[in-house]
Protein backbone atom coordinates (compact mmCIF):
# COMPACT_ATOMS: atom_id res chain seq x y z
CA MET A 1 1.38 -0.55 11.73
CA SER A 2 5.13 -1.30 10.83
CA PRO A 3 6.50 -0.31 7.24
CA ASN A 4 6.81 -3.73 6.69
CA THR A 5 3.29 -4.66 6.90
CA LEU A 6 2.43 -1.97 4.73
CA ALA A 7 5.20 -2.44 1.96
CA PRO A 8 3.18 -5.44 -0.24
CA TYR A 9 -0.51 -3.12 -0.21
CA VAL A 10 1.95 -0.59 -0.91
CA LEU A 11 3.67 -1.65 -3.84
CA GLN A 12 0.73 -3.88 -5.62
CA THR A 13 -2.03 -0.84 -4.96
CA LEU A 14 0.90 1.98 -6.90
CA ALA A 15 1.52 -0.76 -9.55
CA LYS A 16 -2.79 -1.02 -9.75
CA TYR A 17 -2.21 2.36 -10.34
CA GLN A 18 0.55 2.43 -13.00
CA PHE A 19 -1.13 -0.77 -15.13
CA GLU A 20 -3.96 1.80 -15.31
CA GLY A 21 -2.11 4.78 -15.94
CA ARG A 22 -3.84 6.65 -13.56
CA MET A 23 -1.70 9.37 -10.77
CA CYS A 24 -2.06 7.50 -7.69
CA SER A 25 -1.68 10.50 -4.45
CA LEU A 26 -1.29 9.85 -0.47
CA ASP A 27 -4.37 10.47 0.12
CA ASP A 28 -5.27 7.68 -2.63
CA LEU A 29 -3.66 5.30 -1.01
CA ALA A 30 -4.51 5.35 2.38
CA ALA A 31 -8.66 5.22 1.27
CA GLU A 32 -7.54 2.42 -0.86
CA ILE A 33 -5.56 0.57 1.95
CA ARG A 34 -7.46 1.60 4.22
CA VAL A 35 -4.93 2.88 6.69
CA ARG A 36 -3.90 5.80 8.47
CA ARG A 37 -1.84 8.36 6.46
CA ALA A 38 0.92 8.59 8.67
CA ASP A 39 1.40 4.67 8.75
CA LEU A 40 1.29 5.18 4.68
CA ARG A 41 3.76 8.15 5.07
CA ARG A 42 6.58 5.79 6.53
CA THR A 43 6.15 2.86 4.42
CA VAL A 44 6.39 5.11 1.46
CA SER A 45 9.19 6.13 3.34
CA ALA A 46 11.18 3.26 3.71
CA LEU A 47 10.63 2.10 0.10
CA HIS A 48 11.88 5.52 -1.07
CA ARG A 49 15.18 5.17 0.60
CA GLU A 50 15.10 1.34 -0.44
CA GLY A 51 15.11 2.47 -3.77
CA PHE A 52 11.58 0.57 -4.67
CA VAL A 53 9.59 4.27 -5.08
CA ASP A 54 9.49 7.48 -6.40
CA ALA A 55 8.11 9.62 -3.12
CA LEU A 56 7.94 12.26 -4.94
CA ARG A 57 5.69 11.41 -8.21
CA MET A 58 4.39 8.32 -5.88
CA ARG A 59 5.15 5.83 -8.48
CA LEU A 60 7.01 2.83 -8.59
CA THR A 61 10.88 2.71 -9.87
CA LEU A 62 11.67 0.02 -12.25
CA SER A 63 13.31 -2.32 -9.36
CA GLY A 64 9.82 -1.55 -7.28
CA PHE A 65 7.99 -2.38 -10.43
CA ALA A 66 9.60 -5.50 -10.21
CA LEU A 67 9.13 -6.34 -7.00
CA ALA A 68 5.17 -4.85 -7.23
CA ARG A 69 4.81 -8.22 -10.49
CA ALA A 70 5.70 -10.78 -8.15
CA VAL A 71 3.71 -9.09 -5.17
CA VAL A 72 0.47 -8.97 -7.38
CA ALA A 73 0.64 -12.95 -8.34
CA VAL A 74 0.21 -13.18 -4.60
CA PRO A 75 -2.81 -12.89 -2.88
CA LEU A 76 -2.47 -10.39 0.00
CA PRO A 77 -4.61 -11.58 3.47
CA GLU A 78 -7.20 -8.35 4.64
CA LEU A 79 -5.20 -5.46 6.73
CA ARG A 80 -8.19 -5.13 9.38
CA SER A 81 -10.72 -7.77 10.01
CA PRO A 82 -13.99 -6.97 9.47
CA CYS A 83 -15.98 -5.55 12.18
CA LYS A 84 -17.83 -8.26 14.39
CA PRO A 85 -21.62 -7.73 15.40
CA CYS A 86 -22.09 -6.32 18.84
CA GLU A 87 -24.30 -8.12 21.30
CA ALA A 88 -26.29 -5.92 23.63
CA ALA A 89 -25.60 -6.57 26.59
CA ALA A 90 -28.16 -8.35 29.44
């Protein structure tokens, strides 16, 4: 999954954790967003390079917090579609 696709979900989830005053790890993010750790790591690194996330502390920077406030107001679609029930072969 591309970092551009995952970035709003990461920002929204990190903002939620910060609003609640909780610490967040890469595993917490992966479980919450339901994506692979490698994709998530690449996205967090890209957001860190752009100055929106402090990757060492897994917290939003001031500009990341401002961007996340804008993203929180927008409902994001599901990343993965729900599994369709399997039909038995005839």
